[in-house]
Amino acid sequence: MYARPADFSEALRLLTEPDARVLAGGTDIFPAAGERLLGGRHVDVAALEALRGISVEGDWIRIGAAVTWSDLAKAELSPAFDALCAAAREIGGVQIQNRGTLGGNLCNASPAADGVPPLLVLDAEVELVSTRGRRRAHLGEFITGNRRTTLRVGEMMTAVLVRQPAPTARSTFLKLGARRYLVISIVMVAVLLDVIDGHVRNARVAAGACSAAAKRLPDVERRLIGAAAHTGLGDLIEGEHLAALSPIDDLRGTADYRRDAALTLVRRAIELCLNAEAGGVV
């Protein structure tokens, strides 16, 4: 079954049917199907205005779950969102960026989902809605493992919510891949720093493709907070500070290679963030 609901309430009703699932950009669902016909019931929500747009609601920035990567790449957001906008420009090619959605990337919950580390350093929450009601969850708790989330039957993600960052905060994103574009991440890192009076007031660091789910690195953050913000700040970070990571061996790289690359990217991203330079692919 394929349905394209006219409004949000109809979409929620359709999701109560057996085996119903949300279809947005389709950039994960269709490749996963291969040459097989799609089975089950698909509810296409890409055109619902309730899931589109970026707005300010009091102390929060609200990003609709159906906002595309192209939308994010062009969005006028504060420097704290630079990592997210950089990731948006590195996801697939332009055609994928035009179709793929933020909510789809998060609900797919791939360990290599580029959107996750930048949102983790923004301390993002997700809004989840069903006919039973509305709830919110921290992104780090919503994604529980490789392709696993706490999304419930009949529920859809409607938005990502970020508390207004400090105006002095900025972030950067670095991604290691086998080539410049159209590549699955081997390692990716996002860093957010807030520097006041020459010292790091706040630091958030996250890595992806190095564990079953992307995660924050609290030991790295603790090492940075309070440190003098000058060239060479990244050298404060040692391999032991990334002990929370648990990379695997696969065709794209060994676990040891990922650990070494993660350390290099964390150090480099700290320096880029400190110097207010744009992030990108290594």
C-alpha atoms as a PDB file:
ATOM      1  CA  MET A   1       0.000   0.000   0.000  1.00  0.00           C
ATOM      2  CA  TYR A   2       1.174   3.519  -0.796  1.00  0.00           C
ATOM      3  CA  ALA A   3      -0.603   6.540   0.681  1.00  0.00           C
ATOM      4  CA  ARG A   4       0.103  10.259   0.387  1.00  0.00           C
ATOM      5  CA  PRO A   5      -1.969  11.860   3.167  1.00  0.00           C
ATOM      6  CA  ALA A   6      -3.331  15.354   2.657  1.00  0.00           C
ATOM      7  CA  ASP A   7      -2.734  16.452   6.232  1.00  0.00           C
ATOM      8  CA  PHE A   8      -0.948  15.514   9.428  1.00  0.00           C
ATOM      9  CA  SER A   9      -3.935  13.944  11.190  1.00  0.00           C
ATOM     10  CA  GLU A  10      -4.571  11.635   8.230  1.00  0.00           C
ATOM     11  CA  ALA A  11      -0.920  10.567   8.288  1.00  0.00           C
ATOM     12  CA  LEU A  12      -1.170   9.646  11.969  1.00  0.00           C
ATOM     13  CA  ARG A  13      -4.342   7.653  11.317  1.00  0.00           C
ATOM     14  CA  LEU A  14      -2.721   5.722   8.464  1.00  0.00           C
ATOM     15  CA  LEU A  15       0.250   4.863  10.666  1.00  0.00           C
ATOM     16  CA  THR A  16      -2.079   2.965  13.015  1.00  0.00           C
ATOM     17  CA  GLU A  17      -2.635   0.360  10.304  1.00  0.00           C
ATOM     18  CA  PRO A  18      -0.654  -2.911  10.517  1.00  0.00           C
ATOM     19  CA  ASP A  19       2.893  -2.802   9.078  1.00  0.00           C
ATOM     20  CA  ALA A  20       2.616   0.893   8.181  1.00  0.00           C
ATOM     21  CA  ARG A  21       5.853   2.841   8.004  1.00  0.00           C
ATOM     22  CA  VAL A  22       6.823   6.393   7.180  1.00  0.00           C
ATOM     23  CA  LEU A  23       8.243   7.228   3.745  1.00  0.00           C
ATOM     24  CA  ALA A  24       9.869  10.650   3.343  1.00  0.00           C
ATOM     25  CA  GLY A  25      12.730  11.100   0.870  1.00  0.00           C
ATOM     26  CA  GLY A  26      12.995   7.357   0.209  1.00  0.00           C
ATOM     27  CA  THR A  27      16.794   7.513  -0.075  1.00  0.00           C
ATOM     28  CA  ASP A  28      17.191   4.657   2.415  1.00  0.00           C
ATOM     29  CA  ILE A  29      14.032   2.618   1.776  1.00  0.00           C
ATOM     30  CA  PHE A  30      14.389   2.206  -1.987  1.00  0.00           C
ATOM     31  CA  PRO A  31      18.092   1.222  -2.059  1.00  0.00           C
ATOM     32  CA  ALA A  32      17.435  -1.291   0.736  1.00  0.00           C
ATOM     33  CA  ALA A  33      14.714  -2.928  -1.350  1.00  0.00           C
ATOM     34  CA  GLY A  34      17.102  -3.560  -4.239  1.00  0.00           C
ATOM     35  CA  GLU A  35      15.255  -5.092  -7.169  1.00  0.00           C
ATOM     36  CA  ARG A  36      12.361  -6.267  -4.989  1.00  0.00           C
ATOM     37  CA  LEU A  37       9.016  -4.501  -4.894  1.00  0.00           C
ATOM     38  CA  LEU A  38       8.403  -2.573  -1.711  1.00  0.00           C
ATOM     39  CA  GLY A  39       6.325  -4.597   0.700  1.00  0.00           C
ATOM     40  CA  GLY A  40       4.053  -3.422   3.484  1.00  0.00           C
ATOM     41  CA  ARG A  41       2.306  -0.084   3.840  1.00  0.00           C
ATOM     42  CA  HIS A  42       4.141   3.187   3.179  1.00  0.00           C
ATOM     43  CA  VAL A  43       2.836   6.558   4.270  1.00  0.00           C
ATOM     44  CA  ASP A  44       4.506   9.345   2.254  1.00  0.00           C
ATOM     45  CA  VAL A  45       4.840  12.418   4.501  1.00  0.00           C
ATOM     46  CA  ALA A  46       7.328  14.419   2.408  1.00  0.00           C
ATOM     47  CA  ALA A  47       4.755  17.024   1.337  1.00  0.00           C
ATOM     48  CA  LEU A  48       3.253  17.702   4.774  1.00  0.00           C
ATOM     49  CA  GLU A  49       3.875  21.332   5.714  1.00  0.00           C
ATOM     50  CA  ALA A  50       3.714  20.436   9.404  1.00  0.00           C
ATOM     51  CA  LEU A  51       7.015  18.562   8.970  1.00  0.00           C
ATOM     52  CA  ARG A  52       8.812  21.227   6.917  1.00  0.00           C
ATOM     53  CA  GLY A  53      10.608  24.449   7.724  1.00  0.00           C
ATOM     54  CA  ILE A  54      13.007  25.798  10.336  1.00  0.00           C
ATOM     55  CA  SER A  55      11.587  28.141  12.947  1.00  0.00           C
ATOM     56  CA  VAL A  56      12.324  29.742  16.305  1.00  0.00           C
ATOM     57  CA  GLU A  57       9.976  28.837  19.146  1.00  0.00           C
ATOM     58  CA  GLY A  58      10.969  30.704  22.281  1.00  0.00           C
ATOM     59  CA  ASP A  59      14.327  29.342  23.440  1.00  0.00           C
ATOM     60  CA  TRP A  60      14.299  26.542  20.852  1.00  0.00           C
ATOM     61  CA  ILE A  61      15.163  26.117  17.190  1.00  0.00           C
ATOM     62  CA  ARG A  62      12.688  23.751  15.544  1.00  0.00           C
ATOM     63  CA  ILE A  63      13.797  21.847  12.435  1.00  0.00           C
ATOM     64  CA  GLY A  64      11.029  19.895  10.750  1.00  0.00           C
ATOM     65  CA  ALA A  65      11.714  16.183  10.265  1.00  0.00           C
ATOM     66  CA  ALA A  66      11.041  16.477   6.519  1.00  0.00           C
ATOM     67  CA  VAL A  67      13.557  19.299   6.041  1.00  0.00           C
ATOM     68  CA  THR A  68      15.974  18.156   3.340  1.00  0.00           C
ATOM     69  CA  TRP A  69      19.753  18.307   3.369  1.00  0.00           C
ATOM     70  CA  SER A  70      19.588  20.952   0.650  1.00  0.00           C
ATOM     71  CA  ASP A  71      17.327  23.015   2.921  1.00  0.00           C
ATOM     72  CA  LEU A  72      19.859  22.725   5.745  1.00  0.00           C
ATOM     73  CA  ALA A  73      22.851  23.498   3.535  1.00  0.00           C
ATOM     74  CA  LYS A  74      21.238  26.820   2.575  1.00  0.00           C
ATOM     75  CA  ALA A  75      19.757  27.677   5.982  1.00  0.00           C
ATOM     76  CA  GLU A  76      20.828  30.876   7.739  1.00  0.00           C
ATOM     77  CA  LEU A  77      21.662  29.575  11.190  1.00  0.00           C
ATOM     78  CA  SER A  78      24.096  30.640  13.901  1.00  0.00           C
ATOM     79  CA  PRO A  79      27.734  29.426  13.790  1.00  0.00           C
ATOM     80  CA  ALA A  80      26.874  26.709  16.326  1.00  0.00           C
ATOM     81  CA  PHE A  81      25.047  24.949  13.454  1.00  0.00           C
ATOM     82  CA  ASP A  82      28.035  25.051  11.084  1.00  0.00           C
ATOM     83  CA  ALA A  83      28.773  21.357  11.676  1.00  0.00           C
ATOM     84  CA  LEU A  84      25.211  20.367  10.728  1.00  0.00           C
ATOM     85  CA  CYS A  85      25.263  22.531   7.593  1.00  0.00           C
ATOM     86  CA  ALA A  86      28.669  21.103   6.608  1.00  0.00           C
ATOM     87  CA  ALA A  87      27.357  17.552   7.045  1.00  0.00           C
ATOM     88  CA  ALA A  88      24.335  18.444   4.898  1.00  0.00           C
ATOM     89  CA  ARG A  89      26.636  19.375   2.036  1.00  0.00           C
ATOM     90  CA  GLU A  90      28.513  16.056   2.245  1.00  0.00           C
ATOM     91  CA  ILE A  91      25.595  13.602   2.261  1.00  0.00           C
ATOM     92  CA  GLY A  92      25.452  11.866  -1.110  1.00  0.00           C
ATOM     93  CA  GLY A  93      25.162  13.993  -4.233  1.00  0.00           C
ATOM     94  CA  VAL A  94      22.899  16.943  -4.931  1.00  0.00           C
ATOM     95  CA  GLN A  95      20.006  14.679  -5.953  1.00  0.00           C
ATOM     96  CA  ILE A  96      20.171  12.843  -2.630  1.00  0.00           C
ATOM     97  CA  GLN A  97      20.466  16.117  -0.743  1.00  0.00           C
ATOM     98  CA  ASN A  98      17.340  17.368  -2.505  1.00  0.00           C
ATOM     99  CA  ARG A  99      15.326  14.290  -1.466  1.00  0.00           C
ATOM    100  CA  GLY A 100      16.867  12.961   1.739  1.00  0.00           C
ATOM    101  CA  THR A 101      15.423  14.266   5.000  1.00  0.00           C
ATOM    102  CA  LEU A 102      16.848  14.919   8.428  1.00  0.00           C
ATOM    103  CA  GLY A 103      14.225  12.750  10.130  1.00  0.00           C
ATOM    104  CA  GLY A 104      14.866   9.858   7.769  1.00  0.00           C
ATOM    105  CA  ASN A 105      18.591   9.982   8.483  1.00  0.00           C
ATOM    106  CA  LEU A 106      17.988   9.820  12.220  1.00  0.00           C
ATOM    107  CA  CYS A 107      15.294   7.134  12.138  1.00  0.00           C
ATOM    108  CA  ASN A 108      17.414   4.970   9.837  1.00  0.00           C
ATOM    109  CA  ALA A 109      19.963   4.993  12.676  1.00  0.00           C
ATOM    110  CA  SER A 110      22.987   3.923  10.688  1.00  0.00           C
ATOM    111  CA  PRO A 111      26.237   4.113  12.696  1.00  0.00           C
ATOM    112  CA  ALA A 112      27.559   6.174   9.759  1.00  0.00           C
ATOM    113  CA  ALA A 113      24.592   8.605   9.611  1.00  0.00           C
ATOM    114  CA  ASP A 114      26.304  11.944   9.005  1.00  0.00           C
ATOM    115  CA  GLY A 115      23.562  13.989  10.632  1.00  0.00           C
ATOM    116  CA  VAL A 116      23.930  12.449  14.067  1.00  0.00           C
ATOM    117  CA  PRO A 117      27.287  13.762  15.425  1.00  0.00           C
ATOM    118  CA  PRO A 118      26.491  17.426  14.569  1.00  0.00           C
ATOM    119  CA  LEU A 119      23.138  17.125  16.341  1.00  0.00           C
ATOM    120  CA  LEU A 120      24.680  15.385  19.340  1.00  0.00           C
ATOM    121  CA  VAL A 121      27.022  18.338  19.907  1.00  0.00           C
ATOM    122  CA  LEU A 122      23.964  20.609  19.688  1.00  0.00           C
ATOM    123  CA  ASP A 123      22.390  18.493  22.482  1.00  0.00           C
ATOM    124  CA  ALA A 124      19.383  17.987  20.203  1.00  0.00           C
ATOM    125  CA  GLU A 125      16.072  16.422  21.112  1.00  0.00           C
ATOM    126  CA  VAL A 126      13.566  14.749  18.811  1.00  0.00           C
ATOM    127  CA  GLU A 127       9.799  15.164  18.833  1.00  0.00           C
ATOM    128  CA  LEU A 128       7.776  11.990  18.296  1.00  0.00           C
ATOM    129  CA  VAL A 129       4.023  11.969  17.657  1.00  0.00           C
ATOM    130  CA  SER A 130       1.323   9.315  17.300  1.00  0.00           C
ATOM    131  CA  THR A 131      -2.427   9.162  17.829  1.00  0.00           C
ATOM    132  CA  ARG A 132      -1.579   8.390  21.458  1.00  0.00           C
ATOM    133  CA  GLY A 133       0.117  11.736  22.003  1.00  0.00           C
ATOM    134  CA  ARG A 134       3.414  13.594  21.739  1.00  0.00           C
ATOM    135  CA  ARG A 135       6.742  13.017  23.465  1.00  0.00           C
ATOM    136  CA  ARG A 136      10.342  14.216  23.294  1.00  0.00           C
ATOM    137  CA  ALA A 137      13.615  12.364  23.709  1.00  0.00           C
ATOM    138  CA  HIS A 138      17.280  13.298  23.651  1.00  0.00           C
ATOM    139  CA  LEU A 139      18.829  12.162  20.385  1.00  0.00           C
ATOM    140  CA  GLY A 140      21.495  10.139  22.197  1.00  0.00           C
ATOM    141  CA  GLU A 141      18.759   8.157  23.925  1.00  0.00           C
ATOM    142  CA  PHE A 142      16.523   7.872  20.849  1.00  0.00           C
ATOM    143  CA  ILE A 143      19.185   6.030  18.813  1.00  0.00           C
ATOM    144  CA  THR A 144      20.054   2.915  20.798  1.00  0.00           C
ATOM    145  CA  GLY A 145      22.286   0.989  18.380  1.00  0.00           C
ATOM    146  CA  ASN A 146      22.891  -0.085  14.804  1.00  0.00           C
ATOM    147  CA  ARG A 147      19.554   0.553  13.020  1.00  0.00           C
ATOM    148  CA  ARG A 148      17.781   0.649  16.400  1.00  0.00           C
ATOM    149  CA  THR A 149      15.739   3.466  17.900  1.00  0.00           C
ATOM    150  CA  THR A 150      13.042   3.930  20.522  1.00  0.00           C
ATOM    151  CA  LEU A 151      10.475   4.815  17.829  1.00  0.00           C
ATOM    152  CA  ARG A 152       7.218   3.109  18.733  1.00  0.00           C
ATOM    153  CA  VAL A 153       4.636   1.444  16.497  1.00  0.00           C
ATOM    154  CA  GLY A 154       2.398   4.068  14.888  1.00  0.00           C
ATOM    155  CA  GLU A 155       4.769   6.893  15.808  1.00  0.00           C
ATOM    156  CA  MET A 156       6.622   9.333  13.561  1.00  0.00           C
ATOM    157  CA  MET A 157       9.380  11.863  14.128  1.00  0.00           C
ATOM    158  CA  THR A 158       8.023  15.347  13.512  1.00  0.00           C
ATOM    159  CA  ALA A 159      10.930  17.638  14.417  1.00  0.00           C
ATOM    160  CA  VAL A 160      14.404  18.046  15.820  1.00  0.00           C
ATOM    161  CA  LEU A 161      14.635  20.613  18.608  1.00  0.00           C
ATOM    162  CA  VAL A 162      17.774  22.481  19.659  1.00  0.00           C
ATOM    163  CA  ARG A 163      17.926  24.965  22.514  1.00  0.00           C
ATOM    164  CA  GLN A 164      19.237  28.316  21.277  1.00  0.00           C
ATOM    165  CA  PRO A 165      23.044  28.022  21.449  1.00  0.00           C
ATOM    166  CA  ALA A 166      25.234  30.710  22.968  1.00  0.00           C
ATOM    167  CA  PRO A 167      26.057  33.348  20.332  1.00  0.00           C
ATOM    168  CA  THR A 168      29.758  32.719  20.947  1.00  0.00           C
ATOM    169  CA  ALA A 169      29.519  28.985  20.206  1.00  0.00           C
ATOM    170  CA  ARG A 170      30.608  27.565  16.874  1.00  0.00           C
ATOM    171  CA  SER A 171      31.010  24.058  15.505  1.00  0.00           C
ATOM    172  CA  THR A 172      32.744  22.100  12.782  1.00  0.00           C
ATOM    173  CA  PHE A 173      32.369  18.725  11.079  1.00  0.00           C
ATOM    174  CA  LEU A 174      35.019  16.473   9.547  1.00  0.00           C
ATOM    175  CA  LYS A 175      34.406  13.279   7.628  1.00  0.00           C
ATOM    176  CA  LEU A 176      36.930  10.703   6.464  1.00  0.00           C
ATOM    177  CA  GLY A 177      35.964   8.775   3.347  1.00  0.00           C
ATOM    178  CA  ALA A 178      37.586   6.881   0.517  1.00  0.00           C
ATOM    179  CA  ARG A 179      36.856   9.776  -1.861  1.00  0.00           C
ATOM    180  CA  ARG A 180      35.524  13.327  -1.839  1.00  0.00           C
ATOM    181  CA  TYR A 181      31.792  12.726  -2.472  1.00  0.00           C
ATOM    182  CA  LEU A 182      29.179   9.964  -2.549  1.00  0.00           C
ATOM    183  CA  VAL A 183      30.913   8.006   0.177  1.00  0.00           C
ATOM    184  CA  ILE A 184      29.940   6.272   3.411  1.00  0.00           C
ATOM    185  CA  SER A 185      31.916   7.653   6.335  1.00  0.00           C
ATOM    186  CA  ILE A 186      34.835   5.671   7.703  1.00  0.00           C
ATOM    187  CA  VAL A 187      35.034   8.086  10.628  1.00  0.00           C
ATOM    188  CA  MET A 188      33.303  11.415  11.255  1.00  0.00           C
ATOM    189  CA  VAL A 189      33.633  13.949  14.026  1.00  0.00           C
ATOM    190  CA  ALA A 190      31.707  17.014  15.154  1.00  0.00           C
ATOM    191  CA  VAL A 191      33.046  19.553  17.643  1.00  0.00           C
ATOM    192  CA  LEU A 192      31.323  22.522  19.273  1.00  0.00           C
ATOM    193  CA  LEU A 193      33.332  25.037  21.292  1.00  0.00           C
ATOM    194  CA  ASP A 194      32.224  28.097  23.225  1.00  0.00           C
ATOM    195  CA  VAL A 195      35.215  30.299  23.996  1.00  0.00           C
ATOM    196  CA  ILE A 196      34.946  33.213  26.421  1.00  0.00           C
ATOM    197  CA  ASP A 197      37.854  35.414  27.537  1.00  0.00           C
ATOM    198  CA  GLY A 198      40.411  33.136  25.936  1.00  0.00           C
ATOM    199  CA  HIS A 199      39.238  29.927  27.632  1.00  0.00           C
ATOM    200  CA  VAL A 200      36.897  27.122  26.599  1.00  0.00           C
ATOM    201  CA  ARG A 201      33.668  27.625  28.519  1.00  0.00           C
ATOM    202  CA  ASN A 202      31.844  24.722  26.915  1.00  0.00           C
ATOM    203  CA  ALA A 203      32.894  21.838  24.676  1.00  0.00           C
ATOM    204  CA  ARG A 204      30.928  19.075  23.026  1.00  0.00           C
ATOM    205  CA  VAL A 205      32.543  16.412  20.878  1.00  0.00           C
ATOM    206  CA  ALA A 206      30.926  13.466  19.081  1.00  0.00           C
ATOM    207  CA  ALA A 207      32.166  10.741  16.740  1.00  0.00           C
ATOM    208  CA  GLY A 208      30.320   8.497  14.306  1.00  0.00           C
ATOM    209  CA  ALA A 209      31.069   5.261  12.425  1.00  0.00           C
ATOM    210  CA  CYS A 210      33.205   4.187  15.388  1.00  0.00           C
ATOM    211  CA  SER A 211      30.516   2.504  17.495  1.00  0.00           C
ATOM    212  CA  ALA A 212      27.110   0.894  17.050  1.00  0.00           C
ATOM    213  CA  ALA A 213      25.728   4.423  17.327  1.00  0.00           C
ATOM    214  CA  ALA A 214      27.428   7.799  17.137  1.00  0.00           C
ATOM    215  CA  LYS A 215      28.208   9.097  20.617  1.00  0.00           C
ATOM    216  CA  ARG A 216      29.476  12.026  22.615  1.00  0.00           C
ATOM    217  CA  LEU A 217      33.005  11.800  24.031  1.00  0.00           C
ATOM    218  CA  PRO A 218      32.776  13.087  27.616  1.00  0.00           C
ATOM    219  CA  ASP A 219      36.451  12.516  28.436  1.00  0.00           C
ATOM    220  CA  VAL A 220      37.445  14.726  25.516  1.00  0.00           C
ATOM    221  CA  GLU A 221      34.959  17.384  26.590  1.00  0.00           C
ATOM    222  CA  ARG A 222      36.200  17.416  30.178  1.00  0.00           C
ATOM    223  CA  ARG A 223      39.785  17.778  28.976  1.00  0.00           C
ATOM    224  CA  LEU A 224      38.878  20.832  26.908  1.00  0.00           C
ATOM    225  CA  ILE A 225      36.606  22.736  29.293  1.00  0.00           C
ATOM    226  CA  GLY A 226      38.579  25.407  31.115  1.00  0.00           C
ATOM    227  CA  ALA A 227      41.628  25.060  28.869  1.00  0.00           C
ATOM    228  CA  ALA A 228      43.277  28.097  27.291  1.00  0.00           C
ATOM    229  CA  ALA A 229      41.980  28.487  23.750  1.00  0.00           C
ATOM    230  CA  HIS A 230      45.078  28.789  21.601  1.00  0.00           C
ATOM    231  CA  THR A 231      46.723  27.015  18.692  1.00  0.00           C
ATOM    232  CA  GLY A 232      47.625  23.482  19.718  1.00  0.00           C
ATOM    233  CA  LEU A 233      44.509  22.984  21.858  1.00  0.00           C
ATOM    234  CA  GLY A 234      43.794  19.747  20.002  1.00  0.00           C
ATOM    235  CA  ASP A 235      47.083  18.296  21.205  1.00  0.00           C
ATOM    236  CA  LEU A 236      45.573  18.021  24.682  1.00  0.00           C
ATOM    237  CA  ILE A 237      43.562  15.048  23.422  1.00  0.00           C
ATOM    238  CA  GLU A 238      45.153  11.597  23.618  1.00  0.00           C
ATOM    239  CA  GLY A 239      43.946   8.190  22.540  1.00  0.00           C
ATOM    240  CA  GLU A 240      42.798   7.366  26.071  1.00  0.00           C
ATOM    241  CA  HIS A 241      40.235  10.166  25.874  1.00  0.00           C
ATOM    242  CA  LEU A 242      38.447   8.269  23.062  1.00  0.00           C
ATOM    243  CA  ALA A 243      38.123   5.040  25.057  1.00  0.00           C
ATOM    244  CA  ALA A 244      34.311   5.208  24.788  1.00  0.00           C
ATOM    245  CA  LEU A 245      34.529   4.319  21.085  1.00  0.00           C
ATOM    246  CA  SER A 246      34.213   0.694  19.961  1.00  0.00           C
ATOM    247  CA  PRO A 247      34.983   0.571  16.220  1.00  0.00           C
ATOM    248  CA  ILE A 248      34.779  -2.600  14.139  1.00  0.00           C
ATOM    249  CA  ASP A 249      36.779  -4.071  11.265  1.00  0.00           C
ATOM    250  CA  ASP A 250      35.012  -3.897   7.904  1.00  0.00           C
ATOM    251  CA  LEU A 251      35.750  -3.334   4.222  1.00  0.00           C
ATOM    252  CA  ARG A 252      36.255   0.394   4.749  1.00  0.00           C
ATOM    253  CA  GLY A 253      38.804   0.139   7.550  1.00  0.00           C
ATOM    254  CA  THR A 254      40.063  -1.775  10.553  1.00  0.00           C
ATOM    255  CA  ALA A 255      39.165  -0.927  14.126  1.00  0.00           C
ATOM    256  CA  ASP A 256      42.728   0.230  14.816  1.00  0.00           C
ATOM    257  CA  TYR A 257      42.671   2.476  11.765  1.00  0.00           C
ATOM    258  CA  ARG A 258      39.383   4.010  12.869  1.00  0.00           C
ATOM    259  CA  ARG A 259      40.710   4.691  16.370  1.00  0.00           C
ATOM    260  CA  ASP A 260      43.784   6.412  14.979  1.00  0.00           C
ATOM    261  CA  ALA A 261      41.751   8.357  12.424  1.00  0.00           C
ATOM    262  CA  ALA A 262      39.213   9.415  15.060  1.00  0.00           C
ATOM    263  CA  LEU A 263      41.968  10.871  17.231  1.00  0.00           C
ATOM    264  CA  THR A 264      43.424  12.758  14.262  1.00  0.00           C
ATOM    265  CA  LEU A 265      40.015  14.117  13.239  1.00  0.00           C
ATOM    266  CA  VAL A 266      39.123  15.185  16.784  1.00  0.00           C
ATOM    267  CA  ARG A 267      42.373  17.107  17.113  1.00  0.00           C
ATOM    268  CA  ARG A 268      41.965  18.672  13.675  1.00  0.00           C
ATOM    269  CA  ALA A 269      38.305  19.584  14.233  1.00  0.00           C
ATOM    270  CA  ILE A 270      39.178  21.301  17.517  1.00  0.00           C
ATOM    271  CA  GLU A 271      41.746  23.451  15.738  1.00  0.00           C
ATOM    272  CA  LEU A 272      39.345  24.247  12.880  1.00  0.00           C
ATOM    273  CA  CYS A 273      36.588  25.147  15.305  1.00  0.00           C
ATOM    274  CA  LEU A 274      38.934  27.290  17.369  1.00  0.00           C
ATOM    275  CA  ASN A 275      40.096  29.184  14.303  1.00  0.00           C
ATOM    276  CA  ALA A 276      36.556  29.645  12.949  1.00  0.00           C
ATOM    277  CA  GLU A 277      37.363  27.799   9.738  1.00  0.00           C
ATOM    278  CA  ALA A 278      34.798  25.754   7.805  1.00  0.00           C
ATOM    279  CA  GLY A 279      34.654  22.008   8.241  1.00  0.00           C
ATOM    280  CA  GLY A 280      34.505  19.490   5.426  1.00  0.00           C
ATOM    281  CA  VAL A 281      35.656  16.150   4.173  1.00  0.00           C
ATOM    282  CA  VAL A 282      39.250  15.065   4.755  1.00  0.00           C
END
